[in-house]
């Protein structure tokens, strides 16, 4: 659950006239270019800390699944290409 969910839930029952339709009482001032860049970098670092890296065995399993899938798709495309080529030669002559 996000940090803003409890706040949103608490404001859900209040009428719009009471809050004035605004989320906060103080006006939000515009940040400068470097402040926005710094905020973005901080948010990226925070998100990267949440990343869960796969174990070696999971990585080997995932790699095997991807390789098998690629081989199956290659075989399918090869068969379709061969079939379309044979049909073209049969229809238009070779």
Protein backbone atom coordinates (compact mmCIF):
# COMPACT_ATOMS: atom_id res chain seq x y z
CA UNK A 1 0.00 0.00 0.00
CA UNK A 2 1.37 3.43 -0.87
CA UNK A 3 2.04 6.19 1.62
CA UNK A 4 -0.72 8.35 0.15
CA UNK A 5 -3.45 5.68 0.42
CA UNK A 6 -4.30 6.36 4.11
CA UNK A 7 -4.43 10.09 3.41
CA UNK A 8 -6.68 9.57 0.40
CA UNK A 9 -8.93 7.26 2.41
CA UNK A 10 -9.28 9.79 5.22
CA UNK A 11 -10.22 12.57 2.76
CA UNK A 12 -12.71 10.39 0.90
CA UNK A 13 -15.63 11.12 3.25
CA UNK A 14 -15.16 14.89 3.38
CA UNK A 15 -17.21 17.08 1.08
CA UNK A 16 -15.37 19.14 -1.54
CA UNK A 17 -16.71 22.43 -0.10
CA UNK A 18 -15.05 21.79 3.24
CA UNK A 19 -11.59 21.17 1.81
CA UNK A 20 -11.98 23.71 -0.97
CA UNK A 21 -11.01 21.07 -3.54
CA UNK A 22 -7.34 21.42 -2.66
CA UNK A 23 -5.06 18.75 -1.25
CA UNK A 24 -2.99 21.04 1.00
CA UNK A 25 -3.51 24.38 2.69
CA UNK A 26 -0.19 25.86 1.56
CA UNK A 27 0.58 26.62 -2.08
CA UNK A 28 3.24 24.42 -3.63
CA UNK A 29 6.11 26.48 -5.03
CA UNK A 30 7.82 25.46 -8.25
CA UNK A 31 11.21 23.82 -7.86
CA UNK A 32 14.21 24.80 -9.92
CA UNK A 33 15.75 22.63 -12.61
CA UNK A 34 18.55 21.24 -10.44
CA UNK A 35 16.18 20.56 -7.54
CA UNK A 36 13.91 18.56 -9.86
CA UNK A 37 16.89 16.62 -11.22
CA UNK A 38 18.12 15.88 -7.69
CA UNK A 39 14.62 14.73 -6.68
CA UNK A 40 14.46 12.47 -9.72
CA UNK A 41 17.86 10.91 -8.92
CA UNK A 42 16.84 10.35 -5.27
CA UNK A 43 13.62 8.66 -6.40
CA UNK A 44 15.52 6.45 -8.87
CA UNK A 45 17.97 5.36 -6.17
CA UNK A 46 15.09 4.63 -3.79
CA UNK A 47 13.36 2.48 -6.43
CA UNK A 48 16.58 0.63 -7.24
CA UNK A 49 16.95 -0.29 -3.56
CA UNK A 50 13.61 -2.13 -3.82
CA UNK A 51 14.84 -4.37 -6.67
CA UNK A 52 15.09 -8.06 -5.78
CA UNK A 53 17.86 -9.79 -7.70
CA UNK A 54 17.35 -13.39 -8.80
CA UNK A 55 19.53 -16.17 -7.40
CA UNK A 56 21.93 -18.01 -9.67
CA UNK A 57 19.59 -20.99 -10.07
CA UNK A 58 16.63 -18.71 -10.89
CA UNK A 59 18.76 -16.88 -13.44
CA UNK A 60 19.80 -20.16 -15.10
CA UNK A 61 16.15 -21.29 -15.17
CA UNK A 62 14.93 -18.00 -16.66
CA UNK A 63 17.71 -18.05 -19.26
CA UNK A 64 16.79 -21.61 -20.27
CA UNK A 65 13.12 -20.69 -20.61
CA UNK A 66 13.95 -17.71 -22.81
CA UNK A 67 16.29 -19.74 -25.04
CA UNK A 68 13.72 -22.53 -25.49
CA UNK A 69 11.03 -19.97 -26.32
CA UNK A 70 13.29 -18.27 -28.89
CA UNK A 71 14.07 -21.64 -30.55
CA UNK A 72 10.36 -22.52 -30.73
CA UNK A 73 9.47 -19.15 -32.26
CA UNK A 74 12.35 -19.44 -34.74
CA UNK A 75 11.13 -22.89 -35.81
CA UNK A 76 7.57 -21.60 -36.24
CA UNK A 77 8.68 -18.60 -38.32
CA UNK A 78 10.94 -20.84 -40.42
CA UNK A 79 8.06 -23.24 -41.16
CA UNK A 80 5.69 -20.40 -42.03
CA UNK A 81 8.32 -18.81 -44.29
CA UNK A 82 9.01 -22.13 -46.00
CA UNK A 83 5.28 -22.74 -46.50
CA UNK A 84 4.63 -19.26 -47.91
CA UNK A 85 7.61 -19.66 -50.24
CA UNK A 86 6.40 -23.04 -51.51
CA UNK A 87 2.87 -21.66 -51.98
CA UNK A 88 4.22 -18.68 -53.91
CA UNK A 89 6.23 -20.91 -56.24
CA UNK A 90 3.21 -23.19 -56.73
CA UNK A 91 0.86 -20.26 -57.52
CA UNK A 92 3.18 -18.17 -59.71
CA UNK A 93 5.44 -20.90 -61.04
CA UNK A 94 9.08 -21.31 -60.36
